């Protein structure tokens, strides 16, 4: 069915309007600097877009425009331009959620909490329905909700941008009593998702998930060794290719009677680089074996 907007725009006395009962966002204090900018803009140009409200018993409730309402109240406005629309609790919640998602004003944990309330607490619809209404994938919604299973210390790392959502999700299926023990290794070594999976794979092979995570530090070290030695090996192979190019250049640009000495030098250099590649591989294997003991 095509949506028909039956809303009207009116000047409403501010004391008759109350904030939303749903409180999609709990951490408005993070927006203090942006709020000051908004206040200055409204003082200079007025409110360019009415806030969206819905009528309730004994007044009205904000659906969209909490920051605009707060800014106008700080300016001691008595009336504020409002778009009034009849809507259910579910519709009001969906509009608030959509607005915040589109403005990217919510952190991952706030999103997760909002999604959980819609799907689980209120039971308004499943992950598929919510994903369709927000224009997100089902995977996005379910992964956000999954973040809520993490301990508070890991959630805090996400909020302070020390841990990416993708990294945190890789930690969510580790037993909760073990998560905090591995998190420091992920952050300190800036492990990628792939490297975290490698650590988890090694932990499973060692039976650590069911026992102890005391080997976590040494295992993460082996991941770092693999990464560094791969880069070292690649750099040496690049050097080898350049030496080969020089050898070809010598054969094409220098007379035969003059090329023997420099060719012998380059060939000896080539053998030394090959030896360094072999040494790098041996070093990697030795380090990995020592961490598994």
Foldseek 3Di string as FASTA:
>chain_A
DDDDDPKDKDWDFLVQEDEDPVCLDDPCVVCVVVLVVLLVVCVVPNDPDAFEWEDDPRGIYGLGDPSVSVSVVVVVDGITIYIYDHDDPLVSLLSNLLVCVVVVVDFLQSLLVSLCCCCPVVNVDHLVVSCVSNVHDSCSNVLSVLLVQADPVVVVCSVVVLDPSLRSSLLSPQPNVCSVVLVVLCSVVVDDSVLSVVLVVVCVVVVCSVPPCPLNNLSSVLSVLVVVLVVVLVVLVVVLVVLVVVLVVLVVPPDPVPSVVVNVVSVVVNVVSVVVNVVSVVVSVVSVVVSVD
